[in-house]
N, C-alpha and C. Protein backbone atom coordinates (compact mmCIF):
# COMPACT_ATOMS: atom_id res chain seq x y z
N MET A 1 -11.52 -13.74 31.92
CA MET A 1 -11.68 -12.45 31.32
C MET A 1 -13.06 -11.91 31.69
N SER A 2 -13.06 -10.66 32.03
CA SER A 2 -14.35 -10.02 32.40
C SER A 2 -15.28 -9.89 31.19
N LYS A 3 -16.56 -9.83 31.44
CA LYS A 3 -17.50 -9.67 30.32
C LYS A 3 -17.28 -8.35 29.59
N LYS A 4 -16.99 -7.29 30.35
CA LYS A 4 -16.79 -5.97 29.72
C LYS A 4 -15.55 -6.00 28.79
N ARG A 5 -14.46 -6.65 29.27
CA ARG A 5 -13.25 -6.73 28.48
C ARG A 5 -13.50 -7.54 27.22
N GLU A 6 -14.24 -8.70 27.34
CA GLU A 6 -14.55 -9.49 26.21
C GLU A 6 -15.39 -8.68 25.17
N GLU A 7 -16.35 -7.86 25.63
CA GLU A 7 -17.12 -7.05 24.78
C GLU A 7 -16.34 -6.07 24.03
N LEU A 8 -15.38 -5.39 24.72
CA LEU A 8 -14.51 -4.42 24.11
C LEU A 8 -13.58 -5.06 23.09
N LEU A 9 -13.01 -6.20 23.42
CA LEU A 9 -12.20 -6.92 22.39
C LEU A 9 -12.99 -7.30 21.19
N GLU A 10 -14.23 -7.73 21.36
CA GLU A 10 -15.05 -8.14 20.23
C GLU A 10 -15.35 -6.88 19.40
N GLN A 11 -15.54 -5.72 20.02
CA GLN A 11 -15.77 -4.48 19.28
C GLN A 11 -14.55 -4.06 18.47
N ILE A 12 -13.35 -4.26 19.07
CA ILE A 12 -12.09 -3.98 18.39
C ILE A 12 -12.03 -4.86 17.13
N TRP A 13 -12.33 -6.14 17.33
CA TRP A 13 -12.26 -7.14 16.22
C TRP A 13 -13.25 -6.70 15.12
N ALA A 14 -14.44 -6.30 15.47
CA ALA A 14 -15.47 -5.85 14.54
C ALA A 14 -14.97 -4.56 13.82
N ALA A 15 -14.36 -3.69 14.53
CA ALA A 15 -13.90 -2.42 13.97
C ALA A 15 -12.76 -2.68 12.99
N GLN A 16 -11.90 -3.68 13.28
CA GLN A 16 -10.85 -4.11 12.38
C GLN A 16 -11.43 -4.65 11.07
N ASP A 17 -12.46 -5.44 11.21
CA ASP A 17 -13.17 -6.04 10.04
C ASP A 17 -13.77 -4.95 9.15
N THR A 18 -14.40 -4.00 9.80
CA THR A 18 -14.94 -2.81 9.06
C THR A 18 -13.84 -2.08 8.33
N ALA A 19 -12.73 -1.83 9.04
CA ALA A 19 -11.63 -1.06 8.44
C ALA A 19 -11.09 -1.82 7.25
N TYR A 20 -10.95 -3.13 7.39
CA TYR A 20 -10.47 -4.00 6.27
C TYR A 20 -11.45 -3.90 5.09
N ASP A 21 -12.71 -4.02 5.35
CA ASP A 21 -13.68 -3.98 4.25
C ASP A 21 -13.67 -2.61 3.56
N LEU A 22 -13.55 -1.55 4.31
CA LEU A 22 -13.53 -0.21 3.70
C LEU A 22 -12.24 0.00 2.88
N MET A 23 -11.10 -0.50 3.41
CA MET A 23 -9.82 -0.36 2.68
C MET A 23 -9.86 -1.20 1.43
N SER A 24 -10.41 -2.44 1.50
CA SER A 24 -10.52 -3.25 0.31
C SER A 24 -11.42 -2.61 -0.75
N GLU A 25 -12.55 -2.12 -0.32
CA GLU A 25 -13.43 -1.39 -1.26
C GLU A 25 -12.72 -0.20 -1.89
N TYR A 26 -12.06 0.59 -1.04
CA TYR A 26 -11.33 1.79 -1.57
C TYR A 26 -10.30 1.33 -2.58
N ASP A 27 -9.57 0.27 -2.32
CA ASP A 27 -8.48 -0.14 -3.18
C ASP A 27 -9.05 -0.68 -4.52
N SER A 28 -10.28 -1.22 -4.50
CA SER A 28 -10.90 -1.76 -5.68
C SER A 28 -11.46 -0.71 -6.64
N LEU A 29 -11.54 0.55 -6.18
CA LEU A 29 -12.15 1.63 -6.96
C LEU A 29 -11.06 2.45 -7.68
N PRO A 30 -11.34 2.92 -8.88
CA PRO A 30 -10.46 3.86 -9.55
C PRO A 30 -10.46 5.20 -8.85
N HIS A 31 -9.33 5.91 -8.85
CA HIS A 31 -9.27 7.23 -8.22
C HIS A 31 -8.65 8.24 -9.19
N SER A 32 -9.09 9.45 -9.06
CA SER A 32 -8.58 10.49 -9.90
C SER A 32 -7.46 11.28 -9.16
N TYR A 33 -6.32 11.27 -9.72
CA TYR A 33 -5.19 11.99 -9.19
C TYR A 33 -4.81 13.02 -10.24
N GLY A 34 -5.20 14.24 -9.98
CA GLY A 34 -5.01 15.31 -10.99
C GLY A 34 -5.85 14.92 -12.21
N GLU A 35 -5.23 14.84 -13.39
CA GLU A 35 -5.90 14.53 -14.59
C GLU A 35 -5.88 13.04 -14.90
N ASN A 36 -5.31 12.21 -14.06
CA ASN A 36 -5.14 10.79 -14.35
C ASN A 36 -6.05 9.95 -13.39
N VAL A 37 -6.51 8.85 -13.96
CA VAL A 37 -7.32 7.94 -13.20
C VAL A 37 -6.58 6.60 -13.11
N LEU A 38 -6.40 6.14 -11.86
CA LEU A 38 -5.73 4.84 -11.68
C LEU A 38 -6.18 4.18 -10.40
N TYR A 39 -5.85 2.90 -10.27
CA TYR A 39 -6.21 2.09 -9.05
C TYR A 39 -5.08 2.25 -8.01
N GLN A 40 -5.42 1.96 -6.77
CA GLN A 40 -4.41 2.04 -5.72
C GLN A 40 -3.22 1.16 -5.99
N ALA A 41 -3.39 -0.03 -6.55
CA ALA A 41 -2.28 -0.94 -6.80
C ALA A 41 -1.32 -0.28 -7.79
N GLU A 42 -1.85 0.44 -8.77
CA GLU A 42 -1.05 1.11 -9.77
C GLU A 42 -0.31 2.33 -9.09
N ALA A 43 -1.04 3.03 -8.30
CA ALA A 43 -0.44 4.18 -7.59
C ALA A 43 0.66 3.75 -6.67
N HIS A 44 0.50 2.63 -5.97
CA HIS A 44 1.51 2.18 -5.05
C HIS A 44 2.80 1.70 -5.78
N LEU A 45 2.61 1.08 -6.98
CA LEU A 45 3.76 0.75 -7.75
C LEU A 45 4.50 1.93 -8.29
N ILE A 46 3.80 2.94 -8.73
CA ILE A 46 4.36 4.20 -9.14
C ILE A 46 5.18 4.82 -7.99
N ASP A 47 4.60 4.81 -6.80
CA ASP A 47 5.32 5.35 -5.63
C ASP A 47 6.60 4.62 -5.43
N ARG A 48 6.56 3.28 -5.47
CA ARG A 48 7.86 2.49 -5.18
C ARG A 48 8.84 2.75 -6.27
N ILE A 49 8.41 2.79 -7.54
CA ILE A 49 9.34 3.02 -8.65
C ILE A 49 9.94 4.44 -8.48
N ALA A 50 9.17 5.43 -8.10
CA ALA A 50 9.70 6.77 -7.87
C ALA A 50 10.73 6.81 -6.76
N LEU A 51 10.49 6.05 -5.72
CA LEU A 51 11.38 6.06 -4.57
C LEU A 51 12.60 5.15 -4.75
N HIS A 52 12.52 4.22 -5.74
CA HIS A 52 13.56 3.24 -6.01
C HIS A 52 13.79 3.15 -7.51
N PRO A 53 14.28 4.23 -8.20
CA PRO A 53 14.46 4.14 -9.60
C PRO A 53 15.47 3.09 -9.95
N GLY A 54 15.17 2.31 -11.02
CA GLY A 54 16.02 1.16 -11.40
C GLY A 54 15.63 -0.12 -10.73
N VAL A 55 14.53 -0.17 -9.98
CA VAL A 55 14.10 -1.34 -9.29
C VAL A 55 13.66 -2.35 -10.40
N THR A 56 13.81 -3.62 -10.03
CA THR A 56 13.37 -4.69 -10.93
C THR A 56 11.95 -5.18 -10.54
N VAL A 57 11.27 -5.83 -11.41
CA VAL A 57 9.90 -6.33 -11.12
C VAL A 57 9.95 -7.26 -9.89
N THR A 58 11.00 -8.11 -9.79
CA THR A 58 11.13 -9.06 -8.67
C THR A 58 11.29 -8.28 -7.38
N ASP A 59 12.10 -7.28 -7.36
CA ASP A 59 12.30 -6.48 -6.13
C ASP A 59 11.02 -5.74 -5.80
N LEU A 60 10.33 -5.26 -6.80
CA LEU A 60 9.10 -4.51 -6.64
C LEU A 60 8.01 -5.45 -6.03
N ALA A 61 7.98 -6.69 -6.51
CA ALA A 61 7.03 -7.63 -5.96
C ALA A 61 7.31 -7.92 -4.52
N ASN A 62 8.54 -8.04 -4.12
CA ASN A 62 8.86 -8.24 -2.72
C ASN A 62 8.47 -7.03 -1.88
N MET A 63 8.66 -5.87 -2.40
CA MET A 63 8.27 -4.63 -1.67
C MET A 63 6.80 -4.52 -1.37
N VAL A 64 5.97 -4.88 -2.38
CA VAL A 64 4.53 -4.72 -2.27
C VAL A 64 3.81 -6.03 -1.88
N ARG A 65 4.61 -7.08 -1.63
CA ARG A 65 4.06 -8.40 -1.25
C ARG A 65 3.10 -8.94 -2.26
N LYS A 66 3.48 -8.87 -3.55
CA LYS A 66 2.67 -9.49 -4.62
C LYS A 66 3.59 -10.43 -5.36
N THR A 67 2.99 -11.31 -6.19
CA THR A 67 3.86 -12.22 -6.98
C THR A 67 4.51 -11.40 -8.13
N PRO A 68 5.63 -11.91 -8.59
CA PRO A 68 6.28 -11.23 -9.73
C PRO A 68 5.33 -11.14 -10.91
N SER A 69 4.55 -12.18 -11.14
CA SER A 69 3.63 -12.19 -12.26
C SER A 69 2.60 -11.07 -12.14
N ALA A 70 2.04 -10.92 -10.91
CA ALA A 70 1.05 -9.87 -10.70
C ALA A 70 1.67 -8.47 -10.96
N CYS A 71 2.89 -8.28 -10.43
CA CYS A 71 3.59 -7.04 -10.60
C CYS A 71 3.95 -6.79 -12.05
N SER A 72 4.30 -7.84 -12.74
CA SER A 72 4.61 -7.70 -14.17
C SER A 72 3.45 -7.21 -14.97
N GLN A 73 2.23 -7.72 -14.66
CA GLN A 73 0.99 -7.28 -15.31
C GLN A 73 0.72 -5.83 -15.01
N LEU A 74 0.88 -5.42 -13.77
CA LEU A 74 0.64 -3.99 -13.42
C LEU A 74 1.66 -3.10 -14.12
N VAL A 75 2.96 -3.55 -14.15
CA VAL A 75 3.98 -2.73 -14.76
C VAL A 75 3.64 -2.57 -16.27
N ARG A 76 3.18 -3.65 -16.95
CA ARG A 76 2.80 -3.61 -18.34
C ARG A 76 1.68 -2.54 -18.53
N ARG A 77 0.72 -2.56 -17.64
CA ARG A 77 -0.36 -1.59 -17.73
C ARG A 77 0.16 -0.16 -17.57
N LEU A 78 1.05 0.07 -16.63
CA LEU A 78 1.67 1.37 -16.39
C LEU A 78 2.55 1.78 -17.57
N ARG A 79 3.19 0.79 -18.17
CA ARG A 79 4.01 1.14 -19.36
C ARG A 79 3.10 1.52 -20.52
N ASP A 80 2.01 0.76 -20.71
CA ASP A 80 1.09 1.05 -21.82
C ASP A 80 0.45 2.43 -21.67
N LYS A 81 0.33 2.92 -20.42
CA LYS A 81 -0.24 4.25 -20.15
C LYS A 81 0.84 5.33 -20.31
N GLY A 82 2.10 4.88 -20.50
CA GLY A 82 3.15 5.86 -20.71
C GLY A 82 3.76 6.41 -19.41
N TRP A 83 3.55 5.72 -18.31
CA TRP A 83 4.01 6.18 -17.01
C TRP A 83 5.29 5.51 -16.55
N VAL A 84 5.64 4.34 -17.03
CA VAL A 84 6.83 3.58 -16.64
C VAL A 84 7.56 3.14 -17.90
N GLU A 85 8.87 3.16 -17.79
CA GLU A 85 9.67 2.58 -18.86
C GLU A 85 10.57 1.50 -18.29
N GLN A 86 10.91 0.53 -19.14
CA GLN A 86 11.74 -0.57 -18.78
C GLN A 86 13.06 -0.39 -19.51
N VAL A 87 14.15 -0.45 -18.73
CA VAL A 87 15.49 -0.22 -19.31
C VAL A 87 16.35 -1.40 -18.96
N ARG A 88 17.00 -1.94 -19.98
CA ARG A 88 17.91 -3.06 -19.78
C ARG A 88 19.14 -2.57 -19.00
N ASN A 89 19.57 -3.37 -18.04
CA ASN A 89 20.78 -3.11 -17.27
C ASN A 89 21.99 -3.39 -18.16
N THR A 90 22.81 -2.42 -18.37
CA THR A 90 23.98 -2.53 -19.25
C THR A 90 24.98 -3.53 -18.68
N ALA A 91 25.00 -3.66 -17.39
CA ALA A 91 25.95 -4.61 -16.68
C ALA A 91 25.40 -6.02 -16.71
N ASN A 92 24.08 -6.17 -16.81
CA ASN A 92 23.46 -7.48 -16.80
C ASN A 92 22.26 -7.39 -17.74
N ASN A 93 22.44 -7.84 -19.01
CA ASN A 93 21.50 -7.69 -20.05
C ASN A 93 20.14 -8.44 -19.73
N ARG A 94 20.20 -9.40 -18.86
CA ARG A 94 19.00 -10.15 -18.52
C ARG A 94 18.10 -9.36 -17.56
N GLN A 95 18.64 -8.37 -16.88
CA GLN A 95 17.95 -7.63 -15.89
C GLN A 95 17.28 -6.36 -16.48
N VAL A 96 15.97 -6.18 -16.20
CA VAL A 96 15.25 -5.03 -16.68
C VAL A 96 14.93 -4.16 -15.49
N MET A 97 15.34 -2.92 -15.60
CA MET A 97 15.10 -1.93 -14.52
C MET A 97 13.90 -1.04 -14.88
N LEU A 98 13.22 -0.55 -13.87
CA LEU A 98 12.06 0.28 -14.07
C LEU A 98 12.29 1.67 -13.61
N CYS A 99 11.85 2.66 -14.36
CA CYS A 99 11.89 4.07 -14.02
C CYS A 99 10.59 4.72 -14.49
N LEU A 100 10.29 5.83 -13.89
CA LEU A 100 9.13 6.63 -14.27
C LEU A 100 9.46 7.47 -15.50
N THR A 101 8.55 7.65 -16.39
CA THR A 101 8.63 8.62 -17.46
C THR A 101 8.30 9.98 -16.86
N PRO A 102 8.52 11.07 -17.55
CA PRO A 102 8.10 12.36 -17.05
C PRO A 102 6.59 12.40 -16.76
N ALA A 103 5.79 11.73 -17.59
CA ALA A 103 4.34 11.65 -17.29
C ALA A 103 4.08 10.83 -15.97
N GLY A 104 4.90 9.76 -15.77
CA GLY A 104 4.80 9.00 -14.55
C GLY A 104 5.19 9.75 -13.32
N GLU A 105 6.22 10.63 -13.48
CA GLU A 105 6.62 11.47 -12.34
C GLU A 105 5.47 12.47 -11.99
N HIS A 106 4.79 12.91 -12.99
CA HIS A 106 3.64 13.82 -12.83
C HIS A 106 2.54 13.09 -12.00
N VAL A 107 2.25 11.86 -12.42
CA VAL A 107 1.25 11.04 -11.68
C VAL A 107 1.69 10.83 -10.27
N TYR A 108 3.04 10.53 -10.05
CA TYR A 108 3.53 10.38 -8.69
C TYR A 108 3.32 11.63 -7.86
N ARG A 109 3.62 12.76 -8.37
CA ARG A 109 3.44 14.01 -7.61
C ARG A 109 1.94 14.25 -7.30
N ASP A 110 1.07 14.01 -8.25
CA ASP A 110 -0.34 14.15 -8.05
C ASP A 110 -0.87 13.19 -7.01
N HIS A 111 -0.42 11.99 -7.04
CA HIS A 111 -0.79 10.97 -6.03
C HIS A 111 -0.30 11.38 -4.67
N ALA A 112 0.93 11.84 -4.57
CA ALA A 112 1.51 12.25 -3.28
C ALA A 112 0.66 13.38 -2.72
N ALA A 113 0.31 14.35 -3.53
CA ALA A 113 -0.50 15.49 -3.09
C ALA A 113 -1.88 15.02 -2.60
N PHE A 114 -2.45 14.05 -3.33
CA PHE A 114 -3.77 13.50 -2.89
C PHE A 114 -3.60 12.81 -1.57
N ASP A 115 -2.55 12.01 -1.39
CA ASP A 115 -2.35 11.31 -0.12
C ASP A 115 -2.20 12.30 0.99
N LYS A 116 -1.44 13.37 0.80
CA LYS A 116 -1.31 14.39 1.87
C LYS A 116 -2.63 15.00 2.21
N GLN A 117 -3.46 15.22 1.29
CA GLN A 117 -4.80 15.81 1.54
C GLN A 117 -5.63 14.82 2.31
N CYS A 118 -5.67 13.56 1.93
CA CYS A 118 -6.40 12.49 2.71
C CYS A 118 -5.86 12.40 4.13
N GLN A 119 -4.55 12.44 4.31
CA GLN A 119 -3.94 12.35 5.59
C GLN A 119 -4.36 13.54 6.48
N ALA A 120 -4.36 14.68 5.87
CA ALA A 120 -4.78 15.91 6.62
C ALA A 120 -6.20 15.80 7.08
N LEU A 121 -7.10 15.33 6.23
CA LEU A 121 -8.50 15.11 6.58
C LEU A 121 -8.63 14.13 7.75
N THR A 122 -7.89 13.04 7.65
CA THR A 122 -7.95 12.02 8.73
C THR A 122 -7.38 12.61 9.99
N PHE A 123 -6.29 13.27 9.94
CA PHE A 123 -5.69 13.81 11.14
C PHE A 123 -6.62 14.83 11.84
N ARG A 124 -7.41 15.59 11.01
CA ARG A 124 -8.35 16.49 11.62
C ARG A 124 -9.43 15.76 12.39
N ARG A 125 -9.86 14.63 11.90
CA ARG A 125 -10.84 13.83 12.62
C ARG A 125 -10.29 13.34 13.94
N LEU A 126 -8.98 13.24 14.07
CA LEU A 126 -8.39 12.75 15.30
C LEU A 126 -7.93 13.82 16.24
N GLU A 127 -8.22 15.05 15.95
CA GLU A 127 -7.77 16.21 16.78
C GLU A 127 -8.25 16.11 18.27
N GLY A 128 -9.38 15.52 18.49
CA GLY A 128 -9.97 15.44 19.84
C GLY A 128 -9.26 14.44 20.77
N PHE A 129 -8.35 13.67 20.20
CA PHE A 129 -7.70 12.68 21.03
C PHE A 129 -6.40 13.25 21.60
N THR A 130 -6.09 12.91 22.86
CA THR A 130 -4.82 13.38 23.43
C THR A 130 -3.66 12.57 22.83
N GLU A 131 -2.47 13.05 23.08
CA GLU A 131 -1.25 12.34 22.65
C GLU A 131 -1.18 11.02 23.34
N ALA A 132 -1.56 10.96 24.62
CA ALA A 132 -1.57 9.66 25.35
C ALA A 132 -2.55 8.67 24.72
N GLU A 133 -3.71 9.16 24.37
CA GLU A 133 -4.72 8.26 23.72
C GLU A 133 -4.22 7.77 22.39
N LEU A 134 -3.57 8.61 21.61
CA LEU A 134 -3.05 8.19 20.32
C LEU A 134 -1.94 7.20 20.49
N ALA A 135 -1.07 7.39 21.51
CA ALA A 135 0.00 6.44 21.80
C ALA A 135 -0.56 5.15 22.25
N THR A 136 -1.64 5.11 23.00
CA THR A 136 -2.23 3.84 23.44
C THR A 136 -2.81 3.15 22.22
N TYR A 137 -3.50 3.87 21.36
CA TYR A 137 -4.04 3.28 20.18
C TYR A 137 -2.91 2.62 19.31
N LEU A 138 -1.83 3.42 19.12
CA LEU A 138 -0.73 2.93 18.33
C LEU A 138 -0.17 1.61 18.94
N SER A 139 0.00 1.58 20.20
CA SER A 139 0.46 0.38 20.89
C SER A 139 -0.44 -0.80 20.64
N ILE A 140 -1.75 -0.59 20.75
CA ILE A 140 -2.74 -1.65 20.52
C ILE A 140 -2.67 -2.06 19.04
N GLN A 141 -2.64 -1.14 18.14
CA GLN A 141 -2.62 -1.47 16.72
C GLN A 141 -1.36 -2.29 16.33
N ARG A 142 -0.23 -1.94 16.94
CA ARG A 142 0.99 -2.65 16.67
C ARG A 142 0.87 -4.08 17.17
N ARG A 143 0.26 -4.28 18.30
CA ARG A 143 0.05 -5.62 18.86
C ARG A 143 -0.89 -6.45 17.95
N ILE A 144 -1.93 -5.78 17.41
CA ILE A 144 -2.84 -6.46 16.50
C ILE A 144 -2.09 -6.81 15.19
N ASN A 145 -1.24 -5.91 14.71
CA ASN A 145 -0.48 -6.17 13.55
C ASN A 145 0.49 -7.38 13.73
N GLU A 146 1.03 -7.52 14.93
CA GLU A 146 1.86 -8.67 15.23
C GLU A 146 1.09 -9.94 15.10
N ALA A 147 -0.18 -9.93 15.54
CA ALA A 147 -1.05 -11.12 15.42
C ALA A 147 -1.35 -11.42 14.01
N TYR A 148 -1.61 -10.39 13.18
CA TYR A 148 -1.83 -10.61 11.76
C TYR A 148 -0.59 -11.17 11.11
N ALA A 149 0.61 -10.61 11.41
CA ALA A 149 1.81 -11.15 10.87
C ALA A 149 2.03 -12.62 11.21
N ASP A 150 1.72 -13.00 12.43
CA ASP A 150 1.79 -14.38 12.86
C ASP A 150 0.89 -15.25 12.06
N ASP A 151 -0.35 -14.76 11.80
CA ASP A 151 -1.31 -15.46 10.99
C ASP A 151 -0.79 -15.73 9.56
N VAL A 152 -0.20 -14.65 8.98
CA VAL A 152 0.43 -14.72 7.67
C VAL A 152 1.52 -15.74 7.62
N ARG A 153 2.41 -15.66 8.63
CA ARG A 153 3.53 -16.59 8.72
C ARG A 153 3.07 -18.06 8.79
N ARG A 154 2.07 -18.28 9.67
CA ARG A 154 1.57 -19.69 9.86
C ARG A 154 0.93 -20.19 8.54
N SER A 155 0.20 -19.30 7.85
CA SER A 155 -0.40 -19.73 6.59
C SER A 155 0.64 -20.03 5.53
N ARG A 156 1.66 -19.16 5.48
CA ARG A 156 2.75 -19.42 4.50
C ARG A 156 3.47 -20.75 4.76
N GLU A 157 3.74 -20.98 6.09
CA GLU A 157 4.43 -22.27 6.48
C GLU A 157 3.58 -23.43 6.13
N TYR A 158 2.29 -23.34 6.31
CA TYR A 158 1.36 -24.48 6.02
C TYR A 158 1.32 -24.79 4.55
N PHE A 159 1.43 -23.80 3.71
CA PHE A 159 1.28 -24.05 2.24
C PHE A 159 2.63 -24.08 1.53
N THR A 160 3.71 -24.05 2.25
CA THR A 160 5.00 -24.13 1.56
C THR A 160 5.77 -25.37 2.02
C-alpha cells in the first residue's frame, strides 16, 4: 500500500471516529421539538410506533437494535409523558400493542419537521459536490458499513 493511500485511509478512519463521537454526543442531549423536549432514543421510538401502529415492545426492540428491557423502560417514559398508549391485543390477551396518543402524534410531526430541517441544512453543506462525488462517497460509506456489520456479527458470535 502506498504511503499516500495509507494516510488517506487513516484520515477516513479518524473522520469516522469524529462522526461517531459527534452523533453519540448529539444522541445524549435533550432536544426541543416544537413545545416538547425529548432525547433521540425517545424520538426514534415515537417514529417507529407512528410508522408501525400496534407494534409490540419486542418487535420495537428488534427494529431499533435494543434489548426488550431497554425498550420497555423507554416506552414507560413515553407513556408517562402521555405520548404512547399500550393496548391489549383482543386476539391474544398476553400481547400488548403500542400506539401514539394524539399528543404523541403531535410530537411525531414536530420531530419529522425538525429532521427535515436538519437534513436540508446538511444537504446545503453538500451542494458543492458533484453527483459522481456523492456516489463515490456513498459507495465508500456502504463498504465501511459492511465492515462495521462484520465487526458486530463477530462480537455477537463471540459472546453467544
